[in-house]
Amino acid sequence: MLNLERLRTLDALARHGSVSGAAEGLHVTTSAVSQQMAKLEREIGQPLLAKNGRGVRLTDAGHLLADHAARILSQVELAQADVEAQRGCAVGELRIAAFPTAMRGLLPGALTALRAAHPELRSLAREQEPGESMAAVVRGDLDLALAIDWHNKRMPVPAELTRAHLLEDSCDIAVPAGHRLADRDRISLAECAEDDWISWNEGQFCHEWLVSTLRGTGIEPRIAHIAEEHHTQLAFVEAGLGVCVTPRLGRGPVPAGVRLLPVSDPVRRHVYVVWRADADRRPSIRAAVEALQVAALNV
């Protein structure tokens, strides 16, 4: 009997072309990938990987089984969708992830409405960055993920996923109340060339967006502080330690010592939801997407 999780690992190796790529795509360690492949080779009784310089490549048997694995995993998803669709109602368990501001500003209303309309559907939500959550949807660990693009920087969406637009989220520049620009109706990013910036963690999509956007306006950004949560960033702004970009979705109360200034060349985020294309027929997926779209209208 072939193990589905090991087939997922083989499928990831075939798609990403390396152990490290598969590990990143599956959000596991390279050691875990190697262990799963070793077990699968013992089950099959022949090698699936061969040395290729410092890396590995699939053997002929590996390619053959990987082709089957992709079809098997897709068929499992379709089977789940058909069984659920045959019942004609949204039931069972729905696993969903959202980035922090959507988790706070969009998901509670959507899941409340979803529970009222479909009491037999149990939603399990977790906070997770879009890159990680989309990978989790691809490998089947999640059913849905909320993600973002910036107006001038798109996030790659894996080919296996379908996406639906939810809303446009405008962003402002947060400055201290005593800042030289605090009394302005709106400002440009270029006017903050001399300011220290408070940003997200290095390596995150939003941090990369901020750095590339500022450089695109001729600013070499001085990233003085790193903070994951927007409320933490605003606390640093209130203390006079820098400025930051702050979205309106899920914003909540703004500290008294902070001024929010619209940007003359608007800064916007595109918020959307993704799910596996082969899960389209699941009533729970359709119901959740509809609830999210209705909730987005009220944000």
Protein backbone atom coordinates (compact mmCIF):
# COMPACT_ATOMS: atom_id res chain seq x y z
CA MET A 1 0.00 0.00 0.00
CA LEU A 2 1.50 3.32 -1.08
CA ASN A 3 1.58 6.01 1.59
CA LEU A 4 -0.08 9.28 0.52
CA GLU A 5 2.29 11.51 2.48
CA ARG A 6 5.29 9.87 0.83
CA LEU A 7 3.67 10.33 -2.55
CA ARG A 8 3.19 14.02 -1.68
CA THR A 9 6.90 14.22 -0.94
CA LEU A 10 7.79 12.60 -4.26
CA ASP A 11 5.38 14.91 -6.07
CA ALA A 12 7.03 17.93 -4.42
CA LEU A 13 10.48 16.69 -5.42
CA ALA A 14 9.36 16.30 -9.02
CA ARG A 15 7.81 19.79 -9.07
CA HIS A 16 10.63 21.64 -7.28
CA GLY A 17 13.57 19.69 -8.65
CA SER A 18 15.55 19.46 -5.41
CA VAL A 19 15.32 18.21 -1.82
CA SER A 20 15.63 21.76 -0.48
CA GLY A 21 12.94 23.02 -2.86
CA ALA A 22 10.61 20.19 -1.90
CA ALA A 23 11.26 20.86 1.80
CA GLU A 24 10.48 24.54 1.35
CA GLY A 25 7.34 23.77 -0.65
CA LEU A 26 6.12 21.26 1.93
CA HIS A 27 7.24 23.44 4.86
CA VAL A 28 9.30 20.62 6.38
CA THR A 29 13.01 19.99 6.88
CA THR A 30 15.28 18.53 4.20
CA SER A 31 15.90 15.65 6.59
CA ALA A 32 12.17 14.89 6.67
CA VAL A 33 12.07 14.83 2.87
CA SER A 34 15.04 12.45 2.73
CA GLN A 35 13.49 10.15 5.34
CA GLN A 36 10.17 9.99 3.50
CA MET A 37 11.92 9.20 0.23
CA ALA A 38 14.03 6.49 1.85
CA LYS A 39 10.87 4.84 3.20
CA LEU A 40 9.17 5.11 -0.18
CA GLU A 41 12.18 3.49 -1.89
CA ARG A 42 12.00 0.59 0.58
CA GLU A 43 8.29 0.19 -0.14
CA ILE A 44 8.85 0.26 -3.92
CA GLY A 45 11.97 -1.91 -3.78
CA GLN A 46 14.07 0.17 -6.14
CA PRO A 47 15.85 3.56 -6.09
CA LEU A 48 13.80 6.65 -6.91
CA LEU A 49 16.64 9.18 -6.51
CA ALA A 50 20.17 9.26 -7.89
CA LYS A 51 23.10 11.55 -7.11
CA ASN A 52 23.44 14.50 -9.46
CA GLY A 53 26.49 16.56 -8.53
CA ARG A 54 25.75 17.99 -5.08
CA GLY A 55 22.04 17.36 -5.51
CA VAL A 56 19.77 14.54 -6.62
CA ARG A 57 17.63 13.69 -9.61
CA LEU A 58 14.73 11.32 -10.11
CA THR A 59 15.53 7.95 -11.62
CA ASP A 60 13.38 6.53 -14.40
CA ALA A 61 11.37 4.73 -11.72
CA GLY A 62 11.15 7.99 -9.79
CA HIS A 63 9.74 9.85 -12.79
CA LEU A 64 7.27 7.06 -13.48
CA LEU A 65 5.99 7.00 -9.89
CA ALA A 66 5.95 10.81 -9.68
CA ASP A 67 3.61 10.94 -12.68
CA HIS A 68 1.30 8.50 -10.94
CA ALA A 69 1.63 10.41 -7.64
CA ALA A 70 0.40 13.65 -9.22
CA ARG A 71 -2.66 11.88 -10.62
CA ILE A 72 -3.31 9.98 -7.38
CA LEU A 73 -3.16 13.13 -5.25
CA SER A 74 -5.44 14.98 -7.62
CA GLN A 75 -7.84 12.03 -7.63
CA VAL A 76 -7.92 11.97 -3.82
CA GLU A 77 -8.90 15.64 -3.84
CA LEU A 78 -11.56 14.99 -6.48
CA ALA A 79 -12.92 12.05 -4.50
CA GLN A 80 -13.27 14.20 -1.42
CA ALA A 81 -14.96 16.90 -3.49
CA ASP A 82 -17.38 14.43 -5.12
CA VAL A 83 -18.37 12.81 -1.83
CA GLU A 84 -19.05 16.21 -0.33
CA ALA A 85 -20.87 17.41 -3.44
CA GLN A 86 -23.02 14.26 -3.48
CA ARG A 87 -24.31 15.15 -0.04
CA GLY A 88 -25.20 18.56 -1.48
CA CYS A 89 -24.25 20.57 1.58
CA ALA A 90 -21.21 22.05 3.24
CA VAL A 91 -20.23 19.66 6.00
CA GLY A 92 -17.12 18.31 7.68
CA GLU A 93 -13.97 20.29 8.38
CA LEU A 94 -12.58 23.35 6.61
CA ARG A 95 -8.98 24.39 7.31
CA ILE A 96 -8.18 27.98 6.48
CA ALA A 97 -5.23 30.32 7.04
CA ALA A 98 -4.99 34.10 6.81
CA PHE A 99 -2.26 36.70 7.13
CA PRO A 100 -2.51 38.79 10.36
CA THR A 101 -4.61 41.78 9.23
CA ALA A 102 -7.07 39.55 7.35
CA MET A 103 -7.19 37.21 10.33
CA ARG A 104 -8.27 40.16 12.44
CA GLY A 105 -10.26 42.30 10.01
CA LEU A 106 -11.96 39.87 7.62
CA LEU A 107 -12.02 36.28 8.81
CA PRO A 108 -14.10 36.61 12.02
CA GLY A 109 -17.11 38.04 10.19
CA ALA A 110 -16.84 35.54 7.36
CA LEU A 111 -16.57 32.51 9.64
CA THR A 112 -19.45 33.71 11.83
CA ALA A 113 -21.71 33.96 8.77
CA LEU A 114 -20.43 30.61 7.48
CA ARG A 115 -21.24 28.88 10.77
CA ALA A 116 -24.76 30.35 10.80
CA ALA A 117 -25.46 29.26 7.23
CA HIS A 118 -23.78 25.85 7.49
CA PRO A 119 -23.89 24.59 11.09
CA GLU A 120 -22.50 21.16 10.13
CA LEU A 121 -19.32 22.72 8.72
CA ARG A 122 -16.50 23.11 11.25
CA SER A 123 -13.96 25.81 10.41
CA LEU A 124 -10.41 25.70 11.76
CA ALA A 125 -8.47 28.94 11.28
CA ARG A 126 -4.83 29.77 11.82
CA GLU A 127 -2.65 32.82 11.25
CA GLN A 128 0.05 32.28 8.65
CA GLU A 129 2.00 34.28 6.08
CA PRO A 130 0.75 33.86 2.48
CA GLY A 131 3.84 32.14 1.09
CA GLU A 132 3.64 29.43 3.75
CA SER A 133 -0.15 29.08 3.62
CA MET A 134 -0.31 28.73 -0.17
CA ALA A 135 2.30 25.97 -0.01
CA ALA A 136 0.16 24.27 2.65
CA VAL A 137 -2.88 24.42 0.35
CA VAL A 138 -0.85 22.87 -2.49
CA ARG A 139 0.22 19.93 -0.35
CA GLY A 140 -3.28 19.47 1.11
CA ASP A 141 -2.62 20.62 4.68
CA LEU A 142 -5.05 23.52 4.24
CA ASP A 143 -8.24 23.96 2.22
CA LEU A 144 -8.12 27.73 1.78
CA ALA A 145 -5.60 30.53 2.26
CA LEU A 146 -5.99 34.28 2.25
CA ALA A 147 -3.13 36.05 0.50
CA ILE A 148 -2.07 39.49 -0.72
CA ASP A 149 -0.38 41.22 -3.63
CA TRP A 150 0.85 44.80 -3.57
CA HIS A 151 -0.23 47.12 -6.38
CA ASN A 152 3.28 47.09 -7.82
CA LYS A 153 4.49 43.62 -6.75
CA ARG A 154 2.69 40.36 -7.40
CA MET A 155 3.05 37.22 -5.33
CA PRO A 156 3.46 34.06 -7.43
CA VAL A 157 0.47 31.74 -7.13
CA PRO A 158 1.21 28.02 -7.75
CA ALA A 159 -0.40 26.63 -10.89
CA GLU A 160 -2.35 24.07 -8.85
CA LEU A 161 -4.36 26.81 -7.13
CA THR A 162 -7.44 28.82 -8.10
CA ARG A 163 -7.85 32.36 -6.76
CA ALA A 164 -10.78 34.72 -6.17
CA HIS A 165 -10.48 38.45 -5.53
CA LEU A 166 -11.84 39.73 -2.21
CA LEU A 167 -10.98 43.42 -1.80
CA GLU A 168 -8.58 46.30 -2.39
CA ASP A 169 -6.93 47.41 0.85
CA SER A 170 -5.54 50.96 0.91
CA CYS A 171 -2.52 51.79 3.04
CA ASP A 172 -1.34 54.98 4.74
CA ILE A 173 1.97 56.26 6.06
CA ALA A 174 2.07 56.43 9.85
CA VAL A 175 4.21 59.25 11.27
CA PRO A 176 4.69 60.56 14.83
CA ALA A 177 2.34 63.39 15.86
CA GLY A 178 5.31 65.76 16.01
CA HIS A 179 6.65 64.80 12.59
CA ARG A 180 7.42 67.59 10.12
CA LEU A 181 4.72 66.23 7.76
CA ALA A 182 2.08 65.40 10.37
CA ASP A 183 -0.24 68.28 9.42
CA ARG A 184 -0.34 67.42 5.71
CA ASP A 185 -3.47 66.01 4.04
CA ARG A 186 -1.37 63.54 2.06
CA ILE A 187 2.29 62.90 1.29
CA SER A 188 4.49 61.11 -1.22
CA LEU A 189 6.89 58.33 -0.35
CA ALA A 190 9.75 60.46 -1.65
CA GLU A 191 9.09 63.00 1.12
CA CYS A 192 10.12 60.35 3.66
CA ALA A 193 13.59 59.92 2.18
CA GLU A 194 15.28 61.15 5.37
CA ASP A 195 13.18 59.07 7.77
CA ASP A 196 13.96 55.81 9.51
CA TRP A 197 11.54 53.05 8.59
CA ILE A 198 9.89 50.33 10.63
CA SER A 199 9.42 47.22 8.51
CA TRP A 200 8.36 43.58 8.59
CA ASN A 201 10.78 40.67 9.03
CA GLU A 202 13.54 40.43 6.45
CA GLY A 203 12.79 37.87 3.78
CA GLN A 204 9.04 38.37 4.04
CA PHE A 205 7.12 39.42 0.95
CA CYS A 206 5.99 42.71 2.53
CA HIS A 207 9.52 43.65 3.59
CA GLU A 208 10.80 42.98 0.07
CA TRP A 209 7.95 45.08 -1.32
CA LEU A 210 8.77 48.03 0.96
CA VAL A 211 12.48 48.03 0.13
CA SER A 212 11.95 47.69 -3.63
CA THR A 213 9.17 50.32 -3.66
CA LEU A 214 11.23 52.89 -1.77
CA ARG A 215 14.20 52.27 -4.03
CA GLY A 216 11.89 52.72 -7.00
CA THR A 217 11.16 56.27 -5.82
CA GLY A 218 14.83 57.06 -5.41
CA ILE A 219 15.01 56.35 -1.68
CA GLU A 220 17.65 54.07 -0.21
CA PRO A 221 15.61 52.94 2.79
CA ARG A 222 17.01 53.11 6.29
CA ILE A 223 15.31 50.15 7.98
CA ALA A 224 15.85 50.98 11.63
CA HIS A 225 13.44 48.55 13.29
CA ILE A 226 11.79 45.23 12.44
CA ALA A 227 8.39 44.29 13.88
CA GLU A 228 5.91 41.68 12.66
CA GLU A 229 2.69 43.15 14.09
CA HIS A 230 1.27 46.44 12.81
CA HIS A 231 0.31 47.53 16.33
CA THR A 232 3.91 47.07 17.41
CA GLN A 233 5.07 49.13 14.44
CA LEU A 234 2.62 51.90 15.41
CA ALA A 235 3.94 51.86 18.99
CA PHE A 236 7.42 52.53 17.60
CA VAL A 237 6.04 55.33 15.42
CA GLU A 238 4.33 56.92 18.43
CA ALA A 239 7.65 56.82 20.26
CA GLY A 240 9.21 58.84 17.45
CA LEU A 241 11.44 55.99 16.25
CA GLY A 242 10.46 56.08 12.60
CA VAL A 243 7.62 55.85 10.08
CA CYS A 244 5.83 52.85 8.58
CA VAL A 245 3.28 51.75 6.00
CA THR A 246 0.06 50.64 7.68
CA PRO A 247 -2.90 48.95 5.93
CA ARG A 248 -6.49 49.84 6.75
CA LEU A 249 -7.74 46.25 6.90
CA GLY A 250 -7.89 45.10 10.53
CA ARG A 251 -6.23 48.28 11.71
CA GLY A 252 -8.06 48.86 15.01
CA PRO A 253 -7.43 51.82 17.33
CA VAL A 254 -4.52 54.07 16.38
CA PRO A 255 -2.30 55.43 19.18
CA ALA A 256 -2.93 59.08 20.04
CA GLY A 257 0.63 60.03 19.13
CA VAL A 258 0.38 58.71 15.55
CA ARG A 259 -0.87 60.50 12.44
CA LEU A 260 -2.02 58.52 9.40
CA LEU A 261 -1.38 60.18 6.06
CA PRO A 262 -2.76 58.98 2.71
CA VAL A 263 -0.17 58.59 -0.05
CA SER A 264 -0.51 60.84 -3.10
CA ASP A 265 0.32 57.89 -5.38
CA PRO A 266 -1.99 55.39 -3.61
CA VAL A 267 -0.47 52.32 -1.99
CA ARG A 268 -2.85 49.36 -2.22
CA ARG A 269 -2.89 45.66 -1.41
CA HIS A 270 -4.96 43.14 -3.38
CA VAL A 271 -6.52 40.63 -0.99
CA TYR A 272 -7.62 37.27 -2.40
CA VAL A 273 -8.35 33.68 -1.42
CA VAL A 274 -6.84 30.56 -2.99
CA TRP A 275 -7.77 26.87 -3.00
CA ARG A 276 -6.81 23.76 -4.96
CA ALA A 277 -8.31 23.76 -8.44
CA ASP A 278 -9.34 20.11 -8.07
CA ALA A 279 -11.44 21.05 -4.99
CA ASP A 280 -13.73 23.39 -6.96
CA ARG A 281 -16.74 21.09 -6.59
CA ARG A 282 -16.64 20.97 -2.80
CA PRO A 283 -19.69 22.80 -1.39
CA SER A 284 -17.66 23.82 1.66
CA ILE A 285 -15.11 25.61 -0.55
CA ARG A 286 -17.81 27.42 -2.50
CA ALA A 287 -19.64 28.38 0.70
CA ALA A 288 -16.46 29.70 2.33
CA VAL A 289 -15.46 31.76 -0.71
CA GLU A 290 -18.94 33.26 -0.88
CA ALA A 291 -18.85 34.12 2.84
CA LEU A 292 -15.46 35.77 2.43
CA GLN A 293 -16.67 37.82 -0.55
CA VAL A 294 -19.73 39.03 1.35
CA ALA A 295 -17.61 39.86 4.42
CA ALA A 296 -15.19 41.79 2.19
CA LEU A 297 -18.03 44.02 1.02
CA ASN A 298 -18.57 45.13 4.61
CA VAL A 299 -14.93 45.93 5.41
